[in-house]
Amino acid sequence: MYPKVEHNYQVLVAGIKRFFGDAGKTSAVLGLSGGIDSAVVLCLVADALGKEHVHGLMMPSPFSTVHSLTDAIKLAEQADISYHVIPIDSIYSRFLKELAPVFEHSQPDTCEENIQARIRACLLMAYANKKDCLLLNTTNKSELAMGYGTLYGDLAGALMVLADVYKTEVYELATFLNSEKNRIPLSIITKEPSAELRANQKDSDSLPPYPVLDPLLHALIEEGQSPDALIAKGEPKEIVEQAVQAMRHSAFKRLQLPPLLKVSQHPLLSKDKWR
């Protein structure tokens, strides 16, 4: 029923097992945001290593919604994994206080968003070091292509599990994982994607809708089509140009990424063919 999705599932689970075996580690930690990406990674690593070898950290910020935290807790409890909740409000406030003389009363922007992501990465890496386990990254291929991630923040980790899986394919994986029993709460699957790093933030504030973006990225990356050819075929010029510019501007990030699990013939690399 889901031939490609089942193939991706099997490759990812086998890849996690192999990576941990090669690294001589048996346990994993990941941040659970209440979003679809971390939910799918949780299920994959639980299947690969066993639920007793997975730990989740939930790190709500001042901009996290109540439903995201409750969704993350419900997900962890349904998966029967251990977890901790570590609010980062006070840590974030202290960062802003200490940086205030440097920022000179400038208006909040992506800098403050990145600080939250890096606080979370620090907490996750502290847990990984203390408990002798590996941090799993939950960034997907769509976000990675568009540079929608924070270096040394949510792009941190020992292994990128979904970095060769487009966002729309992540939803397909979630449906596959739920095909026999409800592993991922429906509220996680149906909510609008958001990084929740500022008030009322949505992915669509910065990115085209994923059902529009992913076929375009696939044409550029997998099919090797040129931006001009896509525009000539009728693709919206502004979206094509946005995607190409975002991929070009974020290439430096991909030079600094952890290893990724490959499910396609064209995983994102620092030297992308579309250039």
C-alpha atoms as a PDB file:
ATOM      1  CA  MET A   1       0.000   0.000   0.000  1.00  0.00           C
ATOM      2  CA  TYR A   2       2.903   2.335   0.756  1.00  0.00           C
ATOM      3  CA  PRO A   3       5.829   0.905  -1.266  1.00  0.00           C
ATOM      4  CA  LYS A   4       8.051   4.003  -1.284  1.00  0.00           C
ATOM      5  CA  VAL A   5       7.126   4.994   2.252  1.00  0.00           C
ATOM      6  CA  GLU A   6       7.734   1.487   3.562  1.00  0.00           C
ATOM      7  CA  HIS A   7      11.100   1.462   1.782  1.00  0.00           C
ATOM      8  CA  ASN A   8      12.034   4.776   3.428  1.00  0.00           C
ATOM      9  CA  TYR A   9      10.937   3.417   6.804  1.00  0.00           C
ATOM     10  CA  GLN A  10      13.042   0.286   6.469  1.00  0.00           C
ATOM     11  CA  VAL A  11      16.107   2.187   5.234  1.00  0.00           C
ATOM     12  CA  LEU A  12      15.888   4.726   8.065  1.00  0.00           C
ATOM     13  CA  VAL A  13      15.421   2.133  10.814  1.00  0.00           C
ATOM     14  CA  ALA A  14      18.279   0.021   9.459  1.00  0.00           C
ATOM     15  CA  GLY A  15      20.454   3.142   9.126  1.00  0.00           C
ATOM     16  CA  ILE A  16      19.868   4.138  12.740  1.00  0.00           C
ATOM     17  CA  LYS A  17      20.766   0.635  13.929  1.00  0.00           C
ATOM     18  CA  ARG A  18      23.946   0.585  11.855  1.00  0.00           C
ATOM     19  CA  PHE A  19      25.018   4.086  12.902  1.00  0.00           C
ATOM     20  CA  PHE A  20      24.614   3.345  16.604  1.00  0.00           C
ATOM     21  CA  GLY A  21      26.383   0.027  16.243  1.00  0.00           C
ATOM     22  CA  ASP A  22      29.332   1.649  14.495  1.00  0.00           C
ATOM     23  CA  ALA A  23      29.464   4.377  17.157  1.00  0.00           C
ATOM     24  CA  GLY A  24      29.343   1.841  19.995  1.00  0.00           C
ATOM     25  CA  LYS A  25      26.265   3.506  21.493  1.00  0.00           C
ATOM     26  CA  THR A  26      22.951   1.978  22.498  1.00  0.00           C
ATOM     27  CA  SER A  27      20.761   4.947  23.479  1.00  0.00           C
ATOM     28  CA  ALA A  28      19.455   8.147  21.900  1.00  0.00           C
ATOM     29  CA  VAL A  29      18.047  11.481  23.000  1.00  0.00           C
ATOM     30  CA  LEU A  30      16.015  13.932  20.942  1.00  0.00           C
ATOM     31  CA  GLY A  31      14.084  17.108  21.463  1.00  0.00           C
ATOM     32  CA  LEU A  32      10.314  16.639  21.370  1.00  0.00           C
ATOM     33  CA  SER A  33       8.573  19.810  20.238  1.00  0.00           C
ATOM     34  CA  GLY A  34       5.096  18.466  19.631  1.00  0.00           C
ATOM     35  CA  GLY A  35       5.743  18.690  15.878  1.00  0.00           C
ATOM     36  CA  ILE A  36       5.589  16.080  13.144  1.00  0.00           C
ATOM     37  CA  ASP A  37       9.342  15.724  12.504  1.00  0.00           C
ATOM     38  CA  SER A  38      10.362  14.868  16.063  1.00  0.00           C
ATOM     39  CA  ALA A  39       7.327  12.576  16.364  1.00  0.00           C
ATOM     40  CA  VAL A  40       8.372  10.545  13.325  1.00  0.00           C
ATOM     41  CA  VAL A  41      12.018  10.392  14.443  1.00  0.00           C
ATOM     42  CA  LEU A  42      10.891   9.173  17.864  1.00  0.00           C
ATOM     43  CA  CYS A  43       8.967   6.287  16.310  1.00  0.00           C
ATOM     44  CA  LEU A  44      11.850   5.396  13.994  1.00  0.00           C
ATOM     45  CA  VAL A  45      14.483   5.321  16.734  1.00  0.00           C
ATOM     46  CA  ALA A  46      12.188   3.406  19.089  1.00  0.00           C
ATOM     47  CA  ASP A  47      11.766   0.761  16.380  1.00  0.00           C
ATOM     48  CA  ALA A  48      15.505   0.725  15.720  1.00  0.00           C
ATOM     49  CA  LEU A  49      16.868   0.661  19.270  1.00  0.00           C
ATOM     50  CA  GLY A  50      13.904  -0.247  21.459  1.00  0.00           C
ATOM     51  CA  LYS A  51      11.750   2.186  23.414  1.00  0.00           C
ATOM     52  CA  GLU A  52      13.811   1.667  26.583  1.00  0.00           C
ATOM     53  CA  HIS A  53      16.807   3.204  24.795  1.00  0.00           C
ATOM     54  CA  VAL A  54      15.123   6.488  23.815  1.00  0.00           C
ATOM     55  CA  HIS A  55      14.754   9.650  25.904  1.00  0.00           C
ATOM     56  CA  GLY A  56      12.930  12.844  25.021  1.00  0.00           C
ATOM     57  CA  LEU A  57      13.545  16.374  26.244  1.00  0.00           C
ATOM     58  CA  MET A  58      10.724  18.904  26.001  1.00  0.00           C
ATOM     59  CA  MET A  59      12.021  22.443  26.302  1.00  0.00           C
ATOM     60  CA  PRO A  60       9.162  24.950  26.059  1.00  0.00           C
ATOM     61  CA  SER A  61      10.064  28.597  25.554  1.00  0.00           C
ATOM     62  CA  PRO A  62       7.947  31.727  26.149  1.00  0.00           C
ATOM     63  CA  PHE A  63       6.539  31.212  22.638  1.00  0.00           C
ATOM     64  CA  SER A  64       5.658  27.522  22.924  1.00  0.00           C
ATOM     65  CA  THR A  65       1.959  26.787  22.895  1.00  0.00           C
ATOM     66  CA  VAL A  66       0.297  24.677  25.559  1.00  0.00           C
ATOM     67  CA  HIS A  67      -0.987  22.226  22.946  1.00  0.00           C
ATOM     68  CA  SER A  68       2.544  21.614  21.652  1.00  0.00           C
ATOM     69  CA  LEU A  69       3.747  20.559  25.093  1.00  0.00           C
ATOM     70  CA  THR A  70       0.684  18.413  25.738  1.00  0.00           C
ATOM     71  CA  ASP A  71       1.064  16.828  22.286  1.00  0.00           C
ATOM     72  CA  ALA A  72       4.719  16.028  23.008  1.00  0.00           C
ATOM     73  CA  ILE A  73       3.858  14.498  26.378  1.00  0.00           C
ATOM     74  CA  LYS A  74       1.049  12.438  24.871  1.00  0.00           C
ATOM     75  CA  LEU A  75       3.395  11.220  22.122  1.00  0.00           C
ATOM     76  CA  ALA A  76       6.077  10.179  24.646  1.00  0.00           C
ATOM     77  CA  GLU A  77       3.583   8.435  26.889  1.00  0.00           C
ATOM     78  CA  GLN A  78       1.986   6.570  23.982  1.00  0.00           C
ATOM     79  CA  ALA A  79       5.462   5.489  22.880  1.00  0.00           C
ATOM     80  CA  ASP A  80       6.256   4.525  26.488  1.00  0.00           C
ATOM     81  CA  ILE A  81       9.599   6.352  26.466  1.00  0.00           C
ATOM     82  CA  SER A  82      11.180   8.305  29.308  1.00  0.00           C
ATOM     83  CA  TYR A  83      11.192  12.106  29.106  1.00  0.00           C
ATOM     84  CA  HIS A  84      11.886  15.307  30.989  1.00  0.00           C
ATOM     85  CA  VAL A  85      10.363  18.773  30.660  1.00  0.00           C
ATOM     86  CA  ILE A  86      12.915  21.586  31.006  1.00  0.00           C
ATOM     87  CA  PRO A  87      11.390  25.039  30.422  1.00  0.00           C
ATOM     88  CA  ILE A  88      13.939  27.449  28.951  1.00  0.00           C
ATOM     89  CA  ASP A  89      12.143  30.694  29.849  1.00  0.00           C
ATOM     90  CA  SER A  90      14.524  31.703  32.633  1.00  0.00           C
ATOM     91  CA  ILE A  91      17.634  30.676  30.676  1.00  0.00           C
ATOM     92  CA  TYR A  92      16.450  32.650  27.648  1.00  0.00           C
ATOM     93  CA  SER A  93      15.660  35.696  29.788  1.00  0.00           C
ATOM     94  CA  ARG A  94      19.137  35.592  31.305  1.00  0.00           C
ATOM     95  CA  PHE A  95      20.710  35.461  27.847  1.00  0.00           C
ATOM     96  CA  LEU A  96      18.738  38.541  26.798  1.00  0.00           C
ATOM     97  CA  LYS A  97      19.644  40.367  30.003  1.00  0.00           C
ATOM     98  CA  GLU A  98      23.351  39.732  29.582  1.00  0.00           C
ATOM     99  CA  LEU A  99      23.246  40.613  25.883  1.00  0.00           C
ATOM    100  CA  ALA A 100      21.178  43.786  26.311  1.00  0.00           C
ATOM    101  CA  PRO A 101      24.211  46.126  26.380  1.00  0.00           C
ATOM    102  CA  VAL A 102      25.480  44.498  23.181  1.00  0.00           C
ATOM    103  CA  PHE A 103      22.108  44.555  21.414  1.00  0.00           C
ATOM    104  CA  GLU A 104      21.638  48.257  22.310  1.00  0.00           C
ATOM    105  CA  HIS A 105      17.827  48.063  22.453  1.00  0.00           C
ATOM    106  CA  SER A 106      17.499  46.745  18.902  1.00  0.00           C
ATOM    107  CA  GLN A 107      14.219  45.076  17.976  1.00  0.00           C
ATOM    108  CA  PRO A 108      13.955  41.280  18.290  1.00  0.00           C
ATOM    109  CA  ASP A 109      14.649  39.359  15.088  1.00  0.00           C
ATOM    110  CA  THR A 110      16.030  35.963  14.062  1.00  0.00           C
ATOM    111  CA  CYS A 111      18.904  36.443  16.527  1.00  0.00           C
ATOM    112  CA  GLU A 112      16.562  35.938  19.479  1.00  0.00           C
ATOM    113  CA  GLU A 113      14.968  32.957  17.714  1.00  0.00           C
ATOM    114  CA  ASN A 114      18.382  31.371  17.199  1.00  0.00           C
ATOM    115  CA  ILE A 115      19.284  31.859  20.850  1.00  0.00           C
ATOM    116  CA  GLN A 116      16.335  29.658  21.835  1.00  0.00           C
ATOM    117  CA  ALA A 117      17.387  26.942  19.389  1.00  0.00           C
ATOM    118  CA  ARG A 118      20.956  27.014  20.702  1.00  0.00           C
ATOM    119  CA  ILE A 119      19.855  26.838  24.326  1.00  0.00           C
ATOM    120  CA  ARG A 120      17.937  23.690  23.468  1.00  0.00           C
ATOM    121  CA  ALA A 121      20.924  22.215  21.654  1.00  0.00           C
ATOM    122  CA  CYS A 122      23.101  22.857  24.701  1.00  0.00           C
ATOM    123  CA  LEU A 123      20.649  21.068  26.989  1.00  0.00           C
ATOM    124  CA  LEU A 124      20.318  18.137  24.601  1.00  0.00           C
ATOM    125  CA  MET A 125      24.082  17.787  24.237  1.00  0.00           C
ATOM    126  CA  ALA A 126      24.505  18.004  28.022  1.00  0.00           C
ATOM    127  CA  TYR A 127      22.082  15.100  28.409  1.00  0.00           C
ATOM    128  CA  ALA A 128      23.821  13.138  25.647  1.00  0.00           C
ATOM    129  CA  ASN A 129      27.232  13.631  27.290  1.00  0.00           C
ATOM    130  CA  LYS A 130      26.043  12.809  30.801  1.00  0.00           C
ATOM    131  CA  LYS A 131      24.075   9.729  29.768  1.00  0.00           C
ATOM    132  CA  ASP A 132      26.554   8.467  27.135  1.00  0.00           C
ATOM    133  CA  CYS A 133      24.045   8.530  24.304  1.00  0.00           C
ATOM    134  CA  LEU A 134      23.714  10.231  20.909  1.00  0.00           C
ATOM    135  CA  LEU A 135      21.576  13.219  19.964  1.00  0.00           C
ATOM    136  CA  LEU A 136      19.368  12.669  16.936  1.00  0.00           C
ATOM    137  CA  ASN A 137      18.609  15.586  14.626  1.00  0.00           C
ATOM    138  CA  THR A 138      15.033  15.945  13.332  1.00  0.00           C
ATOM    139  CA  THR A 139      15.476  18.411  10.422  1.00  0.00           C
ATOM    140  CA  ASN A 140      13.823  17.358   7.139  1.00  0.00           C
ATOM    141  CA  LYS A 141      15.083  17.813   3.560  1.00  0.00           C
ATOM    142  CA  SER A 142      12.720  20.684   2.733  1.00  0.00           C
ATOM    143  CA  GLU A 143      13.947  22.734   5.692  1.00  0.00           C
ATOM    144  CA  LEU A 144      17.543  21.812   4.979  1.00  0.00           C
ATOM    145  CA  ALA A 145      17.302  22.901   1.344  1.00  0.00           C
ATOM    146  CA  MET A 146      15.781  26.246   2.291  1.00  0.00           C
ATOM    147  CA  GLY A 147      18.218  26.958   5.107  1.00  0.00           C
ATOM    148  CA  TYR A 148      15.360  26.831   7.608  1.00  0.00           C
ATOM    149  CA  GLY A 149      17.478  25.796  10.569  1.00  0.00           C
ATOM    150  CA  THR A 150      19.882  27.200  13.137  1.00  0.00           C
ATOM    151  CA  LEU A 151      23.538  26.236  13.050  1.00  0.00           C
ATOM    152  CA  TYR A 152      24.631  24.901  16.457  1.00  0.00           C
ATOM    153  CA  GLY A 153      20.933  24.851  17.353  1.00  0.00           C
ATOM    154  CA  ASP A 154      18.306  22.597  15.808  1.00  0.00           C
ATOM    155  CA  LEU A 155      20.860  21.516  13.168  1.00  0.00           C
ATOM    156  CA  ALA A 156      23.016  19.949  15.902  1.00  0.00           C
ATOM    157  CA  GLY A 157      23.195  16.216  16.493  1.00  0.00           C
ATOM    158  CA  ALA A 158      25.195  13.077  15.861  1.00  0.00           C
ATOM    159  CA  LEU A 159      22.932  11.959  13.013  1.00  0.00           C
ATOM    160  CA  MET A 160      20.339  13.620  10.771  1.00  0.00           C
ATOM    161  CA  VAL A 161      17.557  11.064  10.430  1.00  0.00           C
ATOM    162  CA  LEU A 162      15.161  12.898   8.068  1.00  0.00           C
ATOM    163  CA  ALA A 163      17.604  15.080   6.121  1.00  0.00           C
ATOM    164  CA  ASP A 164      16.911  13.144   2.899  1.00  0.00           C
ATOM    165  CA  VAL A 165      13.134  13.074   3.448  1.00  0.00           C
ATOM    166  CA  TYR A 166      10.968  15.943   2.209  1.00  0.00           C
ATOM    167  CA  LYS A 167       8.376  17.415   4.568  1.00  0.00           C
ATOM    168  CA  THR A 168       5.464  15.955   2.596  1.00  0.00           C
ATOM    169  CA  GLU A 169       7.199  12.557   2.836  1.00  0.00           C
ATOM    170  CA  VAL A 170       7.471  13.009   6.605  1.00  0.00           C
ATOM    171  CA  TYR A 171       3.677  13.215   6.713  1.00  0.00           C
ATOM    172  CA  GLU A 172       3.506  10.058   4.591  1.00  0.00           C
ATOM    173  CA  LEU A 173       5.789   8.317   7.084  1.00  0.00           C
ATOM    174  CA  ALA A 174       3.528   9.447   9.926  1.00  0.00           C
ATOM    175  CA  THR A 175       0.507   7.953   8.163  1.00  0.00           C
ATOM    176  CA  PHE A 176       2.436   4.712   7.590  1.00  0.00           C
ATOM    177  CA  LEU A 177       3.504   4.564  11.244  1.00  0.00           C
ATOM    178  CA  ASN A 178      -0.124   4.998  12.281  1.00  0.00           C
ATOM    179  CA  SER A 179      -1.454   2.391   9.833  1.00  0.00           C
ATOM    180  CA  GLU A 180      -1.706  -0.394  12.413  1.00  0.00           C
ATOM    181  CA  LYS A 181      -2.121   1.587  15.621  1.00  0.00           C
ATOM    182  CA  ASN A 182      -2.232   5.230  16.648  1.00  0.00           C
ATOM    183  CA  ARG A 183       1.405   5.930  17.466  1.00  0.00           C
ATOM    184  CA  ILE A 184       1.445   9.648  16.582  1.00  0.00           C
ATOM    185  CA  PRO A 185      -1.454  11.729  17.952  1.00  0.00           C
ATOM    186  CA  LEU A 186      -3.699  13.089  15.208  1.00  0.00           C
ATOM    187  CA  SER A 187      -3.317  16.606  16.605  1.00  0.00           C
ATOM    188  CA  ILE A 188       0.407  16.487  15.748  1.00  0.00           C
ATOM    189  CA  ILE A 189      -0.306  15.429  12.167  1.00  0.00           C
ATOM    190  CA  THR A 190      -3.031  18.002  11.508  1.00  0.00           C
ATOM    191  CA  LYS A 191      -1.504  21.106  13.140  1.00  0.00           C
ATOM    192  CA  GLU A 192       0.127  23.772  10.989  1.00  0.00           C
ATOM    193  CA  PRO A 193       3.935  23.450  11.117  1.00  0.00           C
ATOM    194  CA  SER A 194       5.688  26.023  13.294  1.00  0.00           C
ATOM    195  CA  ALA A 195       9.101  26.478  14.894  1.00  0.00           C
ATOM    196  CA  GLU A 196       7.407  28.456  17.712  1.00  0.00           C
ATOM    197  CA  LEU A 197      10.351  30.788  18.161  1.00  0.00           C
ATOM    198  CA  ARG A 198       8.229  33.926  18.123  1.00  0.00           C
ATOM    199  CA  ALA A 199       4.583  34.724  18.786  1.00  0.00           C
ATOM    200  CA  ASN A 200       2.140  33.109  16.339  1.00  0.00           C
ATOM    201  CA  GLN A 201       4.961  31.896  14.092  1.00  0.00           C
ATOM    202  CA  LYS A 202       4.183  29.503  11.217  1.00  0.00           C
ATOM    203  CA  ASP A 203       6.533  27.869   8.700  1.00  0.00           C
ATOM    204  CA  SER A 204       4.393  29.442   5.971  1.00  0.00           C
ATOM    205  CA  ASP A 205       5.543  32.888   7.152  1.00  0.00           C
ATOM    206  CA  SER A 206       8.962  32.138   5.666  1.00  0.00           C
ATOM    207  CA  LEU A 207       8.423  29.254   3.253  1.00  0.00           C
ATOM    208  CA  PRO A 208       5.973  28.433   0.458  1.00  0.00           C
ATOM    209  CA  PRO A 209       3.430  25.750   1.449  1.00  0.00           C
ATOM    210  CA  TYR A 210       5.168  22.377   1.508  1.00  0.00           C
ATOM    211  CA  PRO A 211       2.860  20.790  -1.114  1.00  0.00           C
ATOM    212  CA  VAL A 212       4.025  23.579  -3.470  1.00  0.00           C
ATOM    213  CA  LEU A 213       7.647  23.718  -2.326  1.00  0.00           C
ATOM    214  CA  ASP A 214       8.486  20.012  -2.286  1.00  0.00           C
ATOM    215  CA  PRO A 215       7.731  19.218  -5.958  1.00  0.00           C
ATOM    216  CA  LEU A 216       9.775  22.269  -6.918  1.00  0.00           C
ATOM    217  CA  LEU A 217      12.713  21.187  -4.759  1.00  0.00           C
ATOM    218  CA  HIS A 218      12.426  17.670  -6.159  1.00  0.00           C
ATOM    219  CA  ALA A 219      12.646  19.058  -9.704  1.00  0.00           C
ATOM    220  CA  LEU A 220      15.723  21.111  -8.823  1.00  0.00           C
ATOM    221  CA  ILE A 221      17.550  18.504  -6.737  1.00  0.00           C
ATOM    222  CA  GLU A 222      16.478  15.046  -7.910  1.00  0.00           C
ATOM    223  CA  GLU A 223      15.668  15.831 -11.535  1.00  0.00           C
ATOM    224  CA  GLY A 224      18.395  18.407 -12.087  1.00  0.00           C
ATOM    225  CA  GLN A 225      16.059  20.837 -13.844  1.00  0.00           C
ATOM    226  CA  SER A 226      17.234  24.423 -14.204  1.00  0.00           C
ATOM    227  CA  PRO A 227      15.343  27.329 -12.656  1.00  0.00           C
ATOM    228  CA  ASP A 228      14.764  28.810 -16.135  1.00  0.00           C
ATOM    229  CA  ALA A 229      13.283  25.548 -17.394  1.00  0.00           C
ATOM    230  CA  LEU A 230      10.909  25.346 -14.450  1.00  0.00           C
ATOM    231  CA  ILE A 231       9.758  28.927 -14.948  1.00  0.00           C
ATOM    232  CA  ALA A 232       9.251  28.235 -18.678  1.00  0.00           C
ATOM    233  CA  LYS A 233       7.042  25.277 -17.719  1.00  0.00           C
ATOM    234  CA  GLY A 234       4.806  27.586 -15.711  1.00  0.00           C
ATOM    235  CA  GLU A 235       6.192  27.320 -12.187  1.00  0.00           C
ATOM    236  CA  PRO A 236       5.728  30.612 -10.293  1.00  0.00           C
ATOM    237  CA  LYS A 237       8.839  32.677 -10.930  1.00  0.00           C
ATOM    238  CA  GLU A 238       8.912  34.217  -7.466  1.00  0.00           C
ATOM    239  CA  ILE A 239       8.786  30.809  -5.740  1.00  0.00           C
ATOM    240  CA  VAL A 240      11.459  29.318  -8.010  1.00  0.00           C
ATOM    241  CA  GLU A 241      13.743  32.282  -7.400  1.00  0.00           C
ATOM    242  CA  GLN A 242      13.078  32.145  -3.650  1.00  0.00           C
ATOM    243  CA  ALA A 243      13.985  28.449  -3.536  1.00  0.00           C
ATOM    244  CA  VAL A 244      17.167  28.826  -5.595  1.00  0.00           C
ATOM    245  CA  GLN A 245      18.321  31.838  -3.611  1.00  0.00           C
ATOM    246  CA  ALA A 246      17.598  30.100  -0.297  1.00  0.00           C
ATOM    247  CA  MET A 247      19.549  27.002  -1.354  1.00  0.00           C
ATOM    248  CA  ARG A 248      22.482  29.116  -2.493  1.00  0.00           C
ATOM    249  CA  HIS A 249      22.539  31.279   0.622  1.00  0.00           C
ATOM    250  CA  SER A 250      22.326  28.285   2.974  1.00  0.00           C
ATOM    251  CA  ALA A 251      25.026  26.190   1.274  1.00  0.00           C
ATOM    252  CA  PHE A 252      27.533  27.180   3.981  1.00  0.00           C
ATOM    253  CA  LYS A 253      25.305  25.536   6.588  1.00  0.00           C
ATOM    254  CA  ARG A 254      25.406  22.223   4.770  1.00  0.00           C
ATOM    255  CA  LEU A 255      29.213  22.275   5.011  1.00  0.00           C
ATOM    256  CA  GLN A 256      28.814  21.955   8.783  1.00  0.00           C
ATOM    257  CA  LEU A 257      26.099  19.319   9.105  1.00  0.00           C
ATOM    258  CA  PRO A 258      26.191  15.963  10.896  1.00  0.00           C
ATOM    259  CA  PRO A 259      26.034  12.832   8.726  1.00  0.00           C
ATOM    260  CA  LEU A 260      22.621  12.068   7.256  1.00  0.00           C
ATOM    261  CA  LEU A 261      20.719   8.901   6.406  1.00  0.00           C
ATOM    262  CA  LYS A 262      20.303   8.523   2.646  1.00  0.00           C
ATOM    263  CA  VAL A 263      17.007   7.311   1.158  1.00  0.00           C
ATOM    264  CA  SER A 264      17.297   8.895  -2.314  1.00  0.00           C
ATOM    265  CA  GLN A 265      19.935   9.103  -5.024  1.00  0.00           C
ATOM    266  CA  HIS A 266      20.297  12.838  -4.444  1.00  0.00           C
ATOM    267  CA  PRO A 267      20.821  13.744  -0.784  1.00  0.00           C
ATOM    268  CA  LEU A 268      21.616  17.393  -0.221  1.00  0.00           C
ATOM    269  CA  LEU A 269      25.320  18.134  -0.263  1.00  0.00           C
ATOM    270  CA  SER A 270      27.333  21.311   0.097  1.00  0.00           C
ATOM    271  CA  LYS A 271      28.063  21.282  -3.654  1.00  0.00           C
ATOM    272  CA  ASP A 272      24.582  20.980  -5.110  1.00  0.00           C
ATOM    273  CA  LYS A 273      24.092  20.198  -8.777  1.00  0.00           C
ATOM    274  CA  TRP A 274      21.444  22.890  -9.304  1.00  0.00           C
ATOM    275  CA  ARG A 275      24.195  25.504  -8.954  1.00  0.00           C
END
